[in-house]
Amino acid sequence: GSLRLSCAASGSIFSRSTMGWYRQAPGKQRE
């Protein structure tokens, strides 16, 4: 299946930053 995630940021942060997605499963490190 499919899902679409969205992240809303403040303009001051968004316009000056590299944006990314990370994930973390229980008991595992964030990747």
PDB file of all heavy atoms in Angstrom:
ATOM      1  N   GLY A   1       0.799  -1.204   0.000  1.00  0.00           N
ATOM      2  CA  GLY A   1       0.000   0.000   0.000  1.00  0.00           C
ATOM      3  C   GLY A   1       0.838   1.262   0.000  1.00  0.00           C
ATOM      4  O   GLY A   1       2.065   1.219  -0.041  1.00  0.00           O
ATOM      5  N   SER A   2       0.150   2.404   0.066  1.00  0.00           N
ATOM      6  CA  SER A   2       0.817   3.700   0.006  1.00  0.00           C
ATOM      7  C   SER A   2       0.337   4.619   1.106  1.00  0.00           C
ATOM      8  O   SER A   2      -0.800   4.528   1.580  1.00  0.00           O
ATOM      9  CB  SER A   2       0.561   4.377  -1.345  1.00  0.00           C
ATOM     10  OG  SER A   2       1.091   3.624  -2.420  1.00  0.00           O
ATOM     11  N   LEU A   3       1.206   5.520   1.516  1.00  0.00           N
ATOM     12  CA  LEU A   3       0.888   6.582   2.448  1.00  0.00           C
ATOM     13  C   LEU A   3       1.658   7.826   2.046  1.00  0.00           C
ATOM     14  O   LEU A   3       2.734   7.725   1.452  1.00  0.00           O
ATOM     15  CB  LEU A   3       1.272   6.218   3.884  1.00  0.00           C
ATOM     16  CG  LEU A   3       0.333   5.340   4.711  1.00  0.00           C
ATOM     17  CD1 LEU A   3       0.985   5.047   6.059  1.00  0.00           C
ATOM     18  CD2 LEU A   3      -1.013   6.015   4.907  1.00  0.00           C
ATOM     19  N   ARG A   4       1.110   8.971   2.380  1.00  0.00           N
ATOM     20  CA  ARG A   4       1.790  10.227   2.142  1.00  0.00           C
ATOM     21  C   ARG A   4       1.889  10.988   3.451  1.00  0.00           C
ATOM     22  O   ARG A   4       0.875  11.360   4.039  1.00  0.00           O
ATOM     23  CB  ARG A   4       1.041  11.067   1.107  1.00  0.00           C
ATOM     24  CG  ARG A   4       1.792  12.332   0.669  1.00  0.00           C
ATOM     25  CD  ARG A   4       0.997  13.098  -0.380  1.00  0.00           C
ATOM     26  NE  ARG A   4       1.706  14.274  -0.871  1.00  0.00           N
ATOM     27  CZ  ARG A   4       2.552  14.278  -1.890  1.00  0.00           C
ATOM     28  NH1 ARG A   4       2.801  13.150  -2.556  1.00  0.00           N
ATOM     29  NH2 ARG A   4       3.157  15.403  -2.272  1.00  0.00           N
ATOM     30  N   LEU A   5       3.111  11.215   3.899  1.00  0.00           N
ATOM     31  CA  LEU A   5       3.356  11.970   5.112  1.00  0.00           C
ATOM     32  C   LEU A   5       3.607  13.426   4.769  1.00  0.00           C
ATOM     33  O   LEU A   5       4.130  13.746   3.704  1.00  0.00           O
ATOM     34  CB  LEU A   5       4.566  11.420   5.872  1.00  0.00           C
ATOM     35  CG  LEU A   5       4.557   9.937   6.231  1.00  0.00           C
ATOM     36  CD1 LEU A   5       5.809   9.595   7.026  1.00  0.00           C
ATOM     37  CD2 LEU A   5       3.302   9.573   7.012  1.00  0.00           C
ATOM     38  N   SER A   6       3.242  14.302   5.681  1.00  0.00           N
ATOM     39  CA  SER A   6       3.477  15.717   5.490  1.00  0.00           C
ATOM     40  C   SER A   6       4.032  16.323   6.768  1.00  0.00           C
ATOM     41  O   SER A   6       3.674  15.906   7.866  1.00  0.00           O
ATOM     42  CB  SER A   6       2.177  16.431   5.102  1.00  0.00           C
ATOM     43  OG  SER A   6       2.396  17.807   4.856  1.00  0.00           O
ATOM     44  N   CYS A   7       4.910  17.287   6.613  1.00  0.00           N
ATOM     45  CA  CYS A   7       5.512  17.982   7.743  1.00  0.00           C
ATOM     46  C   CYS A   7       5.390  19.473   7.520  1.00  0.00           C
ATOM     47  O   CYS A   7       5.869  19.998   6.506  1.00  0.00           O
ATOM     48  CB  CYS A   7       6.982  17.581   7.887  1.00  0.00           C
ATOM     49  SG  CYS A   7       7.910  18.556   9.086  1.00  0.00           S
ATOM     50  N   ALA A   8       4.750  20.143   8.459  1.00  0.00           N
ATOM     51  CA  ALA A   8       4.595  21.589   8.386  1.00  0.00           C
ATOM     52  C   ALA A   8       5.641  22.259   9.259  1.00  0.00           C
ATOM     53  O   ALA A   8       5.803  21.902  10.428  1.00  0.00           O
ATOM     54  CB  ALA A   8       3.195  21.996   8.830  1.00  0.00           C
ATOM     55  N   ALA A   9       6.347  23.216   8.698  1.00  0.00           N
ATOM     56  CA  ALA A   9       7.401  23.924   9.406  1.00  0.00           C
ATOM     57  C   ALA A   9       7.137  25.420   9.396  1.00  0.00           C
ATOM     58  O   ALA A   9       6.378  25.928   8.571  1.00  0.00           O
ATOM     59  CB  ALA A   9       8.762  23.628   8.773  1.00  0.00           C
ATOM     60  N   SER A  10       7.764  26.125  10.305  1.00  0.00           N
ATOM     61  CA  SER A  10       7.701  27.573  10.270  1.00  0.00           C
ATOM     62  C   SER A  10       8.503  28.064   9.076  1.00  0.00           C
ATOM     63  O   SER A  10       9.474  27.426   8.652  1.00  0.00           O
ATOM     64  CB  SER A  10       8.245  28.173  11.563  1.00  0.00           C
ATOM     65  OG  SER A  10       9.636  27.947  11.683  1.00  0.00           O
ATOM     66  N   GLY A  11       8.107  29.199   8.533  1.00  0.00           N
ATOM     67  CA  GLY A  11       8.783  29.717   7.354  1.00  0.00           C
ATOM     68  C   GLY A  11      10.246  30.015   7.587  1.00  0.00           C
ATOM     69  O   GLY A  11      11.086  29.780   6.711  1.00  0.00           O
ATOM     70  N   SER A  12      10.577  30.531   8.752  1.00  0.00           N
ATOM     71  CA  SER A  12      11.955  30.889   9.040  1.00  0.00           C
ATOM     72  C   SER A  12      12.865  29.664   9.076  1.00  0.00           C
ATOM     73  O   SER A  12      14.036  29.747   8.712  1.00  0.00           O
ATOM     74  CB  SER A  12      12.043  31.650  10.367  1.00  0.00           C
ATOM     75  OG  SER A  12      11.556  30.868  11.436  1.00  0.00           O
ATOM     76  N   ILE A  13      12.336  28.546   9.514  1.00  0.00           N
ATOM     77  CA  ILE A  13      13.109  27.309   9.547  1.00  0.00           C
ATOM     78  C   ILE A  13      13.161  26.677   8.162  1.00  0.00           C
ATOM     79  O   ILE A  13      14.230  26.308   7.667  1.00  0.00           O
ATOM     80  CB  ILE A  13      12.520  26.319  10.557  1.00  0.00           C
ATOM     81  CG1 ILE A  13      12.696  26.852  11.982  1.00  0.00           C
ATOM     82  CG2 ILE A  13      13.174  24.945  10.418  1.00  0.00           C
ATOM     83  CD1 ILE A  13      12.060  25.988  13.050  1.00  0.00           C
ATOM     84  N   PHE A  14      12.011  26.559   7.526  1.00  0.00           N
ATOM     85  CA  PHE A  14      11.915  25.886   6.238  1.00  0.00           C
ATOM     86  C   PHE A  14      12.796  26.537   5.175  1.00  0.00           C
ATOM     87  O   PHE A  14      13.464  25.849   4.401  1.00  0.00           O
ATOM     88  CB  PHE A  14      10.459  25.877   5.772  1.00  0.00           C
ATOM     89  CG  PHE A  14      10.224  25.102   4.508  1.00  0.00           C
ATOM     90  CD1 PHE A  14      10.011  23.731   4.542  1.00  0.00           C
ATOM     91  CD2 PHE A  14      10.212  25.750   3.280  1.00  0.00           C
ATOM     92  CE1 PHE A  14       9.792  23.021   3.377  1.00  0.00           C
ATOM     93  CE2 PHE A  14       9.993  25.042   2.110  1.00  0.00           C
ATOM     94  CZ  PHE A  14       9.786  23.672   2.163  1.00  0.00           C
ATOM     95  N   SER A  15      12.811  27.844   5.140  1.00  0.00           N
ATOM     96  CA  SER A  15      13.527  28.567   4.099  1.00  0.00           C
ATOM     97  C   SER A  15      15.039  28.540   4.267  1.00  0.00           C
ATOM     98  O   SER A  15      15.767  28.952   3.357  1.00  0.00           O
ATOM     99  CB  SER A  15      13.054  30.019   4.033  1.00  0.00           C
ATOM    100  OG  SER A  15      13.364  30.712   5.231  1.00  0.00           O
ATOM    101  N   ARG A  16      15.514  28.070   5.383  1.00  0.00           N
ATOM    102  CA  ARG A  16      16.945  28.078   5.669  1.00  0.00           C
ATOM    103  C   ARG A  16      17.517  26.688   5.931  1.00  0.00           C
ATOM    104  O   ARG A  16      18.698  26.580   6.268  1.00  0.00           O
ATOM    105  CB  ARG A  16      17.229  28.967   6.886  1.00  0.00           C
ATOM    106  CG  ARG A  16      16.738  30.395   6.748  1.00  0.00           C
ATOM    107  CD  ARG A  16      16.915  31.162   8.055  1.00  0.00           C
ATOM    108  NE  ARG A  16      16.267  32.465   8.017  1.00  0.00           N
ATOM    109  CZ  ARG A  16      16.857  33.586   7.616  1.00  0.00           C
ATOM    110  NH1 ARG A  16      18.123  33.561   7.214  1.00  0.00           N
ATOM    111  NH2 ARG A  16      16.192  34.718   7.611  1.00  0.00           N
ATOM    112  N   SER A  17      16.708  25.660   5.752  1.00  0.00           N
ATOM    113  CA  SER A  17      17.119  24.336   6.200  1.00  0.00           C
ATOM    114  C   SER A  17      16.981  23.250   5.140  1.00  0.00           C
ATOM    115  O   SER A  17      16.125  23.310   4.265  1.00  0.00           O
ATOM    116  CB  SER A  17      16.290  23.909   7.413  1.00  0.00           C
ATOM    117  OG  SER A  17      16.393  24.841   8.467  1.00  0.00           O
ATOM    118  N   THR A  18      17.856  22.274   5.260  1.00  0.00           N
ATOM    119  CA  THR A  18      17.640  21.007   4.586  1.00  0.00           C
ATOM    120  C   THR A  18      16.566  20.257   5.373  1.00  0.00           C
ATOM    121  O   THR A  18      16.644  20.169   6.599  1.00  0.00           O
ATOM    122  CB  THR A  18      18.933  20.171   4.550  1.00  0.00           C
ATOM    123  OG1 THR A  18      19.872  20.784   3.666  1.00  0.00           O
ATOM    124  CG2 THR A  18      18.657  18.753   4.068  1.00  0.00           C
ATOM    125  N   MET A  19      15.563  19.758   4.678  1.00  0.00           N
ATOM    126  CA  MET A  19      14.483  19.032   5.327  1.00  0.00           C
ATOM    127  C   MET A  19      14.686  17.539   5.124  1.00  0.00           C
ATOM    128  O   MET A  19      15.189  17.098   4.092  1.00  0.00           O
ATOM    129  CB  MET A  19      13.131  19.447   4.764  1.00  0.00           C
ATOM    130  CG  MET A  19      12.825  20.937   4.871  1.00  0.00           C
ATOM    131  SD  MET A  19      12.811  21.538   6.587  1.00  0.00           S
ATOM    132  CE  MET A  19      11.436  20.588   7.257  1.00  0.00           C
ATOM    133  N   GLY A  20      14.268  16.771   6.111  1.00  0.00           N
ATOM    134  CA  GLY A  20      14.448  15.338   6.001  1.00  0.00           C
ATOM    135  C   GLY A  20      13.433  14.550   6.795  1.00  0.00           C
ATOM    136  O   GLY A  20      12.708  15.083   7.634  1.00  0.00           O
ATOM    137  N   TRP A  21      13.393  13.276   6.480  1.00  0.00           N
ATOM    138  CA  TRP A  21      12.567  12.329   7.214  1.00  0.00           C
ATOM    139  C   TRP A  21      13.455  11.241   7.793  1.00  0.00           C
ATOM    140  O   TRP A  21      14.324  10.705   7.098  1.00  0.00           O
ATOM    141  CB  TRP A  21      11.506  11.689   6.319  1.00  0.00           C
ATOM    142  CG  TRP A  21      10.397  12.615   5.940  1.00  0.00           C
ATOM    143  CD1 TRP A  21      10.294  13.363   4.816  1.00  0.00           C
ATOM    144  CD2 TRP A  21       9.215  12.872   6.707  1.00  0.00           C
ATOM    145  NE1 TRP A  21       9.125  14.083   4.826  1.00  0.00           N
ATOM    146  CE2 TRP A  21       8.442  13.803   5.970  1.00  0.00           C
ATOM    147  CE3 TRP A  21       8.735  12.412   7.931  1.00  0.00           C
ATOM    148  CZ2 TRP A  21       7.218  14.274   6.437  1.00  0.00           C
ATOM    149  CZ3 TRP A  21       7.519  12.890   8.393  1.00  0.00           C
ATOM    150  CH2 TRP A  21       6.780  13.810   7.648  1.00  0.00           C
ATOM    151  N   TYR A  22      13.233  10.933   9.048  1.00  0.00           N
ATOM    152  CA  TYR A  22      13.906   9.853   9.739  1.00  0.00           C
ATOM    153  C   TYR A  22      12.851   8.915  10.290  1.00  0.00           C
ATOM    154  O   TYR A  22      11.674   9.272  10.393  1.00  0.00           O
ATOM    155  CB  TYR A  22      14.765  10.387  10.888  1.00  0.00           C
ATOM    156  CG  TYR A  22      15.992  11.156  10.455  1.00  0.00           C
ATOM    157  CD1 TYR A  22      15.890  12.419   9.880  1.00  0.00           C
ATOM    158  CD2 TYR A  22      17.270  10.624  10.636  1.00  0.00           C
ATOM    159  CE1 TYR A  22      17.007  13.128   9.488  1.00  0.00           C
ATOM    160  CE2 TYR A  22      18.400  11.331  10.250  1.00  0.00           C
ATOM    161  CZ  TYR A  22      18.261  12.579   9.680  1.00  0.00           C
ATOM    162  OH  TYR A  22      19.383  13.278   9.302  1.00  0.00           O
ATOM    163  N   ARG A  23      13.270   7.721  10.656  1.00  0.00           N
ATOM    164  CA  ARG A  23      12.329   6.792  11.259  1.00  0.00           C
ATOM    165  C   ARG A  23      13.023   5.972  12.335  1.00  0.00           C
ATOM    166  O   ARG A  23      14.228   5.767  12.308  1.00  0.00           O
ATOM    167  CB  ARG A  23      11.702   5.867  10.211  1.00  0.00           C
ATOM    168  CG  ARG A  23      12.673   4.897   9.548  1.00  0.00           C
ATOM    169  CD  ARG A  23      11.984   4.143   8.426  1.00  0.00           C
ATOM    170  NE  ARG A  23      12.869   3.172   7.793  1.00  0.00           N
ATOM    171  CZ  ARG A  23      12.556   2.481   6.706  1.00  0.00           C
ATOM    172  NH1 ARG A  23      11.364   2.648   6.122  1.00  0.00           N
ATOM    173  NH2 ARG A  23      13.417   1.610   6.196  1.00  0.00           N
ATOM    174  N   GLN A  24      12.222   5.501  13.277  1.00  0.00           N
ATOM    175  CA  GLN A  24      12.749   4.704  14.368  1.00  0.00           C
ATOM    176  C   GLN A  24      11.749   3.626  14.751  1.00  0.00           C
ATOM    177  O   GLN A  24      10.605   3.919  15.098  1.00  0.00           O
ATOM    178  CB  GLN A  24      13.059   5.584  15.583  1.00  0.00           C
ATOM    179  CG  GLN A  24      13.751   4.851  16.717  1.00  0.00           C
ATOM    180  CD  GLN A  24      14.259   5.799  17.787  1.00  0.00           C
ATOM    181  OE1 GLN A  24      13.749   6.906  17.951  1.00  0.00           O
ATOM    182  NE2 GLN A  24      15.276   5.373  18.504  1.00  0.00           N
ATOM    183  N   ALA A  25      12.195   2.391  14.677  1.00  0.00           N
ATOM    184  CA  ALA A  25      11.394   1.259  15.109  1.00  0.00           C
ATOM    185  C   ALA A  25      11.711   0.965  16.571  1.00  0.00           C
ATOM    186  O   ALA A  25      12.800   1.292  17.056  1.00  0.00           O
ATOM    187  CB  ALA A  25      11.682   0.036  14.247  1.00  0.00           C
ATOM    188  N   PRO A  26      10.783   0.332  17.303  1.00  0.00           N
ATOM    189  CA  PRO A  26      11.028   0.031  18.714  1.00  0.00           C
ATOM    190  C   PRO A  26      12.311  -0.762  18.917  1.00  0.00           C
ATOM    191  O   PRO A  26      12.553  -1.760  18.239  1.00  0.00           O
ATOM    192  CB  PRO A  26       9.804  -0.791  19.113  1.00  0.00           C
ATOM    193  CG  PRO A  26       8.732  -0.315  18.194  1.00  0.00           C
ATOM    194  CD  PRO A  26       9.441  -0.076  16.880  1.00  0.00           C
ATOM    195  N   GLY A  27      13.145  -0.312  19.843  1.00  0.00           N
ATOM    196  CA  GLY A  27      14.380  -1.000  20.148  1.00  0.00           C
ATOM    197  C   GLY A  27      15.503  -0.775  19.161  1.00  0.00           C
ATOM    198  O   GLY A  27      16.576  -1.372  19.313  1.00  0.00           O
ATOM    199  N   LYS A  28      15.286   0.053  18.162  1.00  0.00           N
ATOM    200  CA  LYS A  28      16.304   0.308  17.155  1.00  0.00           C
ATOM    201  C   LYS A  28      16.681   1.784  17.121  1.00  0.00           C
ATOM    202  O   LYS A  28      15.958   2.634  17.624  1.00  0.00           O
ATOM    203  CB  LYS A  28      15.820  -0.134  15.770  1.00  0.00           C
ATOM    204  CG  LYS A  28      15.546  -1.624  15.652  1.00  0.00           C
ATOM    205  CD  LYS A  28      15.147  -1.995  14.244  1.00  0.00           C
ATOM    206  CE  LYS A  28      14.912  -3.489  14.103  1.00  0.00           C
ATOM    207  NZ  LYS A  28      14.525  -3.850  12.712  1.00  0.00           N
ATOM    208  N   GLN A  29      17.826   2.065  16.519  1.00  0.00           N
ATOM    209  CA  GLN A  29      18.288   3.439  16.394  1.00  0.00           C
ATOM    210  C   GLN A  29      17.524   4.172  15.299  1.00  0.00           C
ATOM    211  O   GLN A  29      17.032   3.566  14.351  1.00  0.00           O
ATOM    212  CB  GLN A  29      19.786   3.484  16.083  1.00  0.00           C
ATOM    213  CG  GLN A  29      20.682   3.052  17.231  1.00  0.00           C
ATOM    214  CD  GLN A  29      22.145   3.330  16.954  1.00  0.00           C
ATOM    215  OE1 GLN A  29      22.604   3.213  15.819  1.00  0.00           O
ATOM    216  NE2 GLN A  29      22.876   3.710  17.977  1.00  0.00           N
ATOM    217  N   ARG A  30      17.435   5.475  15.451  1.00  0.00           N
ATOM    218  CA  ARG A  30      16.812   6.296  14.434  1.00  0.00           C
ATOM    219  C   ARG A  30      17.678   6.295  13.183  1.00  0.00           C
ATOM    220  O   ARG A  30      18.903   6.412  13.265  1.00  0.00           O
ATOM    221  CB  ARG A  30      16.629   7.722  14.956  1.00  0.00           C
ATOM    222  CG  ARG A  30      15.857   8.634  14.030  1.00  0.00           C
ATOM    223  CD  ARG A  30      15.607   9.990  14.684  1.00  0.00           C
ATOM    224  NE  ARG A  30      14.831   9.862  15.912  1.00  0.00           N
ATOM    225  CZ  ARG A  30      14.415  10.895  16.637  1.00  0.00           C
ATOM    226  NH1 ARG A  30      14.690  12.136  16.253  1.00  0.00           N
ATOM    227  NH2 ARG A  30      13.724  10.689  17.745  1.00  0.00           N
ATOM    228  N   GLU A  31      17.053   6.161  12.016  1.00  0.00           N
ATOM    229  CA  GLU A  31      17.787   6.121  10.768  1.00  0.00           C
ATOM    230  C   GLU A  31      17.237   7.136   9.779  1.00  0.00           C
ATOM    231  O   GLU A  31      16.048   7.463   9.788  1.00  0.00           O
ATOM    232  CB  GLU A  31      17.735   4.723  10.142  1.00  0.00           C
ATOM    233  CG  GLU A  31      16.343   4.279   9.731  1.00  0.00           C
ATOM    234  CD  GLU A  31      16.337   2.953   8.997  1.00  0.00           C
ATOM    235  OE1 GLU A  31      17.433   2.457   8.645  1.00  0.00           O
ATOM    236  OE2 GLU A  31      15.239   2.394   8.773  1.00  0.00           O
TER     237      GLU A  31
END
